[in-house]
Amino acid sequence: AQVEVKYSAEQRSMMKSNLEGYRTEISTLRKQNSSLGNSLVKVQERIKQLQSLFQAEQDKLKEQAAKYRKAEAELKILRVSEERLTRENASLMEAKQRSTALMATLQQMQESLRKR
């Protein structure tokens, strides 16, 4: 009977020791859980901030892409206009050369008529 009492006392002592260890571990795990929960909240807030910034940048990018397409279309129109004006200028230069040649011919004819 004394052996059983001693055995029971040792078991009780081990259980108390284990219980204290478990309580300490539970307390530590609760603190870690709380800390990780706080960290998770901060990370989630940062993710929301970054998502908001990303959306704003994406909107800016879409706006810039629209401006680029508009500028590209305007540039195409300007190039077409430049080609047309270059052709018109060439035509006018040819007409001027013909007028100059015609004027020279007329002046020669006038000189010829004066000499007669």
N, C-alpha and C. Protein backbone atom coordinates (compact mmCIF):
# COMPACT_ATOMS: atom_id res chain seq x y z
N ALA A 1 0.82 -1.18 0.00
CA ALA A 1 0.00 0.00 0.00
C ALA A 1 0.87 1.25 0.00
N GLN A 2 1.98 1.16 0.73
CA GLN A 2 2.86 2.31 0.78
C GLN A 2 3.51 2.55 -0.59
N VAL A 3 3.78 1.51 -1.31
CA VAL A 3 4.37 1.62 -2.64
C VAL A 3 3.36 2.28 -3.57
N GLU A 4 2.09 1.88 -3.40
CA GLU A 4 1.06 2.49 -4.26
C GLU A 4 0.89 3.97 -3.95
N VAL A 5 0.98 4.35 -2.70
CA VAL A 5 0.86 5.75 -2.31
C VAL A 5 2.04 6.52 -2.89
N LYS A 6 3.24 5.91 -2.78
CA LYS A 6 4.43 6.56 -3.31
C LYS A 6 4.31 6.70 -4.84
N TYR A 7 3.83 5.64 -5.47
CA TYR A 7 3.65 5.64 -6.92
C TYR A 7 2.62 6.70 -7.32
N SER A 8 1.52 6.78 -6.58
CA SER A 8 0.48 7.76 -6.85
C SER A 8 1.02 9.17 -6.65
N ALA A 9 1.80 9.38 -5.64
CA ALA A 9 2.38 10.70 -5.36
C ALA A 9 3.33 11.10 -6.48
N GLU A 10 4.12 10.14 -6.96
CA GLU A 10 5.04 10.44 -8.08
C GLU A 10 4.25 10.77 -9.34
N GLN A 11 3.19 10.00 -9.55
CA GLN A 11 2.36 10.26 -10.74
C GLN A 11 1.72 11.64 -10.65
N ARG A 12 1.20 11.95 -9.45
CA ARG A 12 0.57 13.25 -9.23
C ARG A 12 1.61 14.36 -9.45
N SER A 13 2.81 14.17 -8.96
CA SER A 13 3.88 15.16 -9.10
C SER A 13 4.23 15.33 -10.58
N MET A 14 4.32 14.21 -11.32
CA MET A 14 4.61 14.28 -12.76
C MET A 14 3.47 14.99 -13.49
N MET A 15 2.24 14.67 -13.10
CA MET A 15 1.09 15.30 -13.74
C MET A 15 1.08 16.80 -13.49
N LYS A 16 1.39 17.20 -12.24
CA LYS A 16 1.44 18.62 -11.92
C LYS A 16 2.53 19.30 -12.75
N SER A 17 3.67 18.63 -12.86
CA SER A 17 4.78 19.17 -13.65
C SER A 17 4.37 19.30 -15.11
N ASN A 18 3.75 18.24 -15.63
CA ASN A 18 3.26 18.26 -17.02
C ASN A 18 2.21 19.35 -17.21
N LEU A 19 1.31 19.46 -16.19
CA LEU A 19 0.26 20.46 -16.27
C LEU A 19 0.86 21.86 -16.32
N GLU A 20 1.84 22.13 -15.49
CA GLU A 20 2.50 23.44 -15.49
C GLU A 20 3.18 23.69 -16.84
N GLY A 21 3.82 22.65 -17.37
CA GLY A 21 4.46 22.76 -18.69
C GLY A 21 3.44 23.06 -19.77
N TYR A 22 2.30 22.36 -19.72
CA TYR A 22 1.25 22.59 -20.71
C TYR A 22 0.67 23.98 -20.57
N ARG A 23 0.47 24.43 -19.33
CA ARG A 23 -0.05 25.78 -19.11
C ARG A 23 0.92 26.83 -19.65
N THR A 24 2.19 26.65 -19.39
CA THR A 24 3.21 27.58 -19.91
C THR A 24 3.20 27.56 -21.44
N GLU A 25 3.12 26.36 -22.02
CA GLU A 25 3.09 26.23 -23.48
C GLU A 25 1.84 26.87 -24.05
N ILE A 26 0.70 26.65 -23.40
CA ILE A 26 -0.56 27.25 -23.86
C ILE A 26 -0.47 28.77 -23.80
N SER A 27 0.08 29.29 -22.70
CA SER A 27 0.24 30.74 -22.56
C SER A 27 1.15 31.30 -23.66
N THR A 28 2.25 30.60 -23.90
CA THR A 28 3.18 31.02 -24.96
C THR A 28 2.50 30.98 -26.33
N LEU A 29 1.76 29.92 -26.59
CA LEU A 29 1.07 29.78 -27.87
C LEU A 29 -0.01 30.85 -28.04
N ARG A 30 -0.69 31.19 -26.94
CA ARG A 30 -1.70 32.26 -27.01
C ARG A 30 -1.04 33.59 -27.37
N LYS A 31 0.11 33.87 -26.73
CA LYS A 31 0.83 35.11 -27.03
C LYS A 31 1.28 35.13 -28.50
N GLN A 32 1.81 34.00 -28.96
CA GLN A 32 2.24 33.90 -30.36
C GLN A 32 1.05 34.07 -31.29
N ASN A 33 -0.07 33.45 -30.94
CA ASN A 33 -1.28 33.55 -31.76
C ASN A 33 -1.74 35.00 -31.83
N SER A 34 -1.74 35.68 -30.68
CA SER A 34 -2.14 37.09 -30.65
C SER A 34 -1.19 37.93 -31.49
N SER A 35 0.11 37.69 -31.33
CA SER A 35 1.12 38.42 -32.10
C SER A 35 0.94 38.18 -33.60
N LEU A 36 0.74 36.91 -33.96
CA LEU A 36 0.56 36.57 -35.38
C LEU A 36 -0.75 37.16 -35.90
N GLY A 37 -1.78 37.17 -35.06
CA GLY A 37 -3.05 37.78 -35.46
C GLY A 37 -2.88 39.26 -35.74
N ASN A 38 -2.14 39.95 -34.87
CA ASN A 38 -1.86 41.38 -35.08
C ASN A 38 -1.05 41.59 -36.36
N SER A 39 -0.07 40.73 -36.55
CA SER A 39 0.75 40.83 -37.77
C SER A 39 -0.10 40.59 -39.00
N LEU A 40 -1.00 39.63 -38.92
CA LEU A 40 -1.89 39.32 -40.05
C LEU A 40 -2.77 40.51 -40.38
N VAL A 41 -3.30 41.17 -39.36
CA VAL A 41 -4.13 42.36 -39.59
C VAL A 41 -3.32 43.44 -40.30
N LYS A 42 -2.08 43.66 -39.84
CA LYS A 42 -1.22 44.66 -40.47
C LYS A 42 -0.92 44.30 -41.92
N VAL A 43 -0.65 43.03 -42.15
CA VAL A 43 -0.35 42.58 -43.51
C VAL A 43 -1.58 42.75 -44.40
N GLN A 44 -2.75 42.42 -43.88
CA GLN A 44 -3.97 42.56 -44.66
C GLN A 44 -4.23 44.03 -44.99
N GLU A 45 -3.97 44.92 -44.02
CA GLU A 45 -4.13 46.36 -44.27
C GLU A 45 -3.16 46.81 -45.35
N ARG A 46 -1.92 46.33 -45.28
CA ARG A 46 -0.92 46.70 -46.28
C ARG A 46 -1.32 46.18 -47.66
N ILE A 47 -1.87 44.98 -47.69
CA ILE A 47 -2.32 44.41 -48.97
C ILE A 47 -3.42 45.29 -49.56
N LYS A 48 -4.35 45.74 -48.72
CA LYS A 48 -5.41 46.63 -49.21
C LYS A 48 -4.84 47.93 -49.74
N GLN A 49 -3.86 48.48 -49.02
CA GLN A 49 -3.21 49.71 -49.49
C GLN A 49 -2.55 49.49 -50.85
N LEU A 50 -1.82 48.38 -50.95
CA LEU A 50 -1.12 48.08 -52.21
C LEU A 50 -2.10 47.82 -53.35
N GLN A 51 -3.22 47.17 -53.03
CA GLN A 51 -4.24 46.94 -54.06
C GLN A 51 -4.81 48.26 -54.55
N SER A 52 -5.03 49.17 -53.60
CA SER A 52 -5.54 50.48 -53.95
C SER A 52 -4.54 51.24 -54.81
N LEU A 53 -3.27 51.20 -54.42
CA LEU A 53 -2.22 51.86 -55.22
C LEU A 53 -2.11 51.22 -56.60
N PHE A 54 -2.19 49.91 -56.63
CA PHE A 54 -2.10 49.19 -57.91
C PHE A 54 -3.25 49.60 -58.82
N GLN A 55 -4.46 49.68 -58.26
CA GLN A 55 -5.62 50.07 -59.05
C GLN A 55 -5.45 51.49 -59.59
N ALA A 56 -4.94 52.39 -58.74
CA ALA A 56 -4.71 53.78 -59.18
C ALA A 56 -3.69 53.81 -60.31
N GLU A 57 -2.61 53.05 -60.17
CA GLU A 57 -1.59 53.01 -61.22
C GLU A 57 -2.12 52.38 -62.50
N GLN A 58 -2.96 51.37 -62.33
CA GLN A 58 -3.56 50.72 -63.50
C GLN A 58 -4.47 51.71 -64.23
N ASP A 59 -5.22 52.50 -63.47
CA ASP A 59 -6.08 53.52 -64.09
C ASP A 59 -5.24 54.56 -64.83
N LYS A 60 -4.12 54.98 -64.21
CA LYS A 60 -3.22 55.93 -64.87
C LYS A 60 -2.66 55.34 -66.16
N LEU A 61 -2.31 54.07 -66.09
CA LEU A 61 -1.76 53.40 -67.27
C LEU A 61 -2.79 53.35 -68.40
N LYS A 62 -4.04 53.05 -68.05
CA LYS A 62 -5.11 53.03 -69.07
C LYS A 62 -5.28 54.41 -69.68
N GLU A 63 -5.22 55.44 -68.82
CA GLU A 63 -5.35 56.82 -69.29
C GLU A 63 -4.20 57.17 -70.24
N GLN A 64 -2.99 56.79 -69.87
CA GLN A 64 -1.83 57.07 -70.72
C GLN A 64 -1.92 56.30 -72.04
N ALA A 65 -2.42 55.08 -71.97
CA ALA A 65 -2.57 54.28 -73.19
C ALA A 65 -3.58 54.95 -74.13
N ALA A 66 -4.66 55.48 -73.57
CA ALA A 66 -5.65 56.19 -74.39
C ALA A 66 -5.03 57.44 -75.02
N LYS A 67 -4.25 58.19 -74.22
CA LYS A 67 -3.58 59.37 -74.76
C LYS A 67 -2.60 58.98 -75.86
N TYR A 68 -1.90 57.87 -75.66
CA TYR A 68 -0.94 57.40 -76.67
C TYR A 68 -1.66 57.07 -77.97
N ARG A 69 -2.79 56.35 -77.85
CA ARG A 69 -3.55 55.99 -79.07
C ARG A 69 -4.04 57.24 -79.78
N LYS A 70 -4.49 58.24 -79.01
CA LYS A 70 -4.96 59.50 -79.60
C LYS A 70 -3.81 60.20 -80.30
N ALA A 71 -2.66 60.28 -79.65
CA ALA A 71 -1.49 60.93 -80.24
C ALA A 71 -1.04 60.19 -81.50
N GLU A 72 -1.11 58.87 -81.44
CA GLU A 72 -0.73 58.06 -82.61
C GLU A 72 -1.66 58.36 -83.79
N ALA A 73 -2.97 58.47 -83.51
CA ALA A 73 -3.94 58.78 -84.57
C ALA A 73 -3.68 60.18 -85.13
N GLU A 74 -3.39 61.14 -84.24
CA GLU A 74 -3.09 62.50 -84.69
C GLU A 74 -1.82 62.52 -85.54
N LEU A 75 -0.82 61.76 -85.13
CA LEU A 75 0.42 61.69 -85.88
C LEU A 75 0.17 61.12 -87.28
N LYS A 76 -0.68 60.12 -87.36
CA LYS A 76 -1.02 59.53 -88.67
C LYS A 76 -1.68 60.58 -89.55
N ILE A 77 -2.62 61.34 -88.96
CA ILE A 77 -3.30 62.40 -89.72
C ILE A 77 -2.28 63.45 -90.18
N LEU A 78 -1.36 63.82 -89.29
CA LEU A 78 -0.35 64.82 -89.64
C LEU A 78 0.57 64.31 -90.76
N ARG A 79 0.91 63.04 -90.71
CA ARG A 79 1.77 62.48 -91.77
C ARG A 79 1.06 62.49 -93.12
N VAL A 80 -0.22 62.14 -93.09
CA VAL A 80 -1.01 62.17 -94.34
C VAL A 80 -1.06 63.61 -94.86
N SER A 81 -1.31 64.56 -93.95
CA SER A 81 -1.36 65.98 -94.34
C SER A 81 -0.01 66.43 -94.89
N GLU A 82 1.07 66.00 -94.24
CA GLU A 82 2.40 66.37 -94.70
C GLU A 82 2.66 65.84 -96.10
N GLU A 83 2.27 64.60 -96.36
CA GLU A 83 2.46 64.02 -97.69
C GLU A 83 1.66 64.81 -98.74
N ARG A 84 0.40 65.15 -98.38
CA ARG A 84 -0.43 65.91 -99.32
C ARG A 84 0.18 67.29 -99.58
N LEU A 85 0.63 67.96 -98.52
CA LEU A 85 1.22 69.29 -98.68
C LEU A 85 2.53 69.22 -99.46
N THR A 86 3.29 68.16 -99.27
CA THR A 86 4.54 67.98 -100.03
C THR A 86 4.23 67.83 -101.52
N ARG A 87 3.19 67.04 -101.81
CA ARG A 87 2.79 66.87 -103.23
C ARG A 87 2.29 68.21 -103.81
N GLU A 88 1.47 68.93 -103.02
CA GLU A 88 0.97 70.23 -103.49
C GLU A 88 2.12 71.20 -103.70
N ASN A 89 3.09 71.19 -102.80
CA ASN A 89 4.26 72.07 -102.92
C ASN A 89 5.04 71.74 -104.20
N ALA A 90 5.22 70.44 -104.45
CA ALA A 90 5.93 70.03 -105.67
C ALA A 90 5.17 70.50 -106.90
N SER A 91 3.85 70.38 -106.86
CA SER A 91 3.01 70.84 -107.99
C SER A 91 3.16 72.34 -108.18
N LEU A 92 3.12 73.08 -107.07
CA LEU A 92 3.26 74.55 -107.16
C LEU A 92 4.63 74.94 -107.67
N MET A 93 5.66 74.22 -107.25
CA MET A 93 7.02 74.52 -107.73
C MET A 93 7.11 74.27 -109.24
N GLU A 94 6.48 73.18 -109.70
CA GLU A 94 6.48 72.90 -111.15
C GLU A 94 5.72 73.99 -111.89
N ALA A 95 4.59 74.40 -111.31
CA ALA A 95 3.80 75.46 -111.96
C ALA A 95 4.61 76.76 -112.00
N LYS A 96 5.34 77.05 -110.93
CA LYS A 96 6.16 78.26 -110.88
C LYS A 96 7.26 78.19 -111.95
N GLN A 97 7.88 77.02 -112.07
CA GLN A 97 8.93 76.87 -113.09
C GLN A 97 8.34 77.07 -114.49
N ARG A 98 7.15 76.50 -114.71
CA ARG A 98 6.52 76.69 -116.03
C ARG A 98 6.19 78.16 -116.25
N SER A 99 5.67 78.83 -115.18
CA SER A 99 5.34 80.26 -115.29
C SER A 99 6.59 81.07 -115.58
N THR A 100 7.68 80.73 -114.88
CA THR A 100 8.94 81.45 -115.09
C THR A 100 9.42 81.24 -116.52
N ALA A 101 9.33 80.01 -117.00
CA ALA A 101 9.75 79.71 -118.37
C ALA A 101 8.86 80.45 -119.37
N LEU A 102 7.55 80.46 -119.09
CA LEU A 102 6.61 81.14 -119.97
C LEU A 102 6.89 82.64 -119.97
N MET A 103 7.16 83.20 -118.78
CA MET A 103 7.46 84.62 -118.67
C MET A 103 8.73 84.95 -119.46
N ALA A 104 9.71 84.08 -119.35
CA ALA A 104 10.96 84.31 -120.09
C ALA A 104 10.69 84.28 -121.59
N THR A 105 9.87 83.35 -122.00
CA THR A 105 9.53 83.25 -123.42
C THR A 105 8.78 84.50 -123.87
N LEU A 106 7.83 84.97 -123.03
CA LEU A 106 7.08 86.18 -123.38
C LEU A 106 7.99 87.40 -123.46
N GLN A 107 8.93 87.50 -122.53
CA GLN A 107 9.87 88.63 -122.54
C GLN A 107 10.74 88.59 -123.80
N GLN A 108 11.14 87.38 -124.17
CA GLN A 108 11.95 87.25 -125.40
C GLN A 108 11.11 87.67 -126.61
N MET A 109 9.84 87.28 -126.59
CA MET A 109 8.97 87.66 -127.71
C MET A 109 8.78 89.16 -127.75
N GLN A 110 8.61 89.80 -126.57
CA GLN A 110 8.47 91.25 -126.54
C GLN A 110 9.73 91.94 -127.05
N GLU A 111 10.86 91.45 -126.63
CA GLU A 111 12.14 92.03 -127.10
C GLU A 111 12.25 91.86 -128.60
N SER A 112 11.81 90.73 -129.05
CA SER A 112 11.86 90.45 -130.49
C SER A 112 10.96 91.39 -131.25
N LEU A 113 9.77 91.66 -130.67
CA LEU A 113 8.82 92.54 -131.33
C LEU A 113 9.30 94.00 -131.30
N ARG A 114 9.96 94.40 -130.24
CA ARG A 114 10.47 95.76 -130.13
C ARG A 114 11.58 96.02 -131.17
N LYS A 115 12.35 95.01 -131.40
CA LYS A 115 13.47 95.16 -132.31
C LYS A 115 12.97 95.31 -133.76
N ARG A 116 11.81 94.92 -134.04
CA ARG A 116 11.31 95.00 -135.41
C ARG A 116 10.87 96.33 -135.75
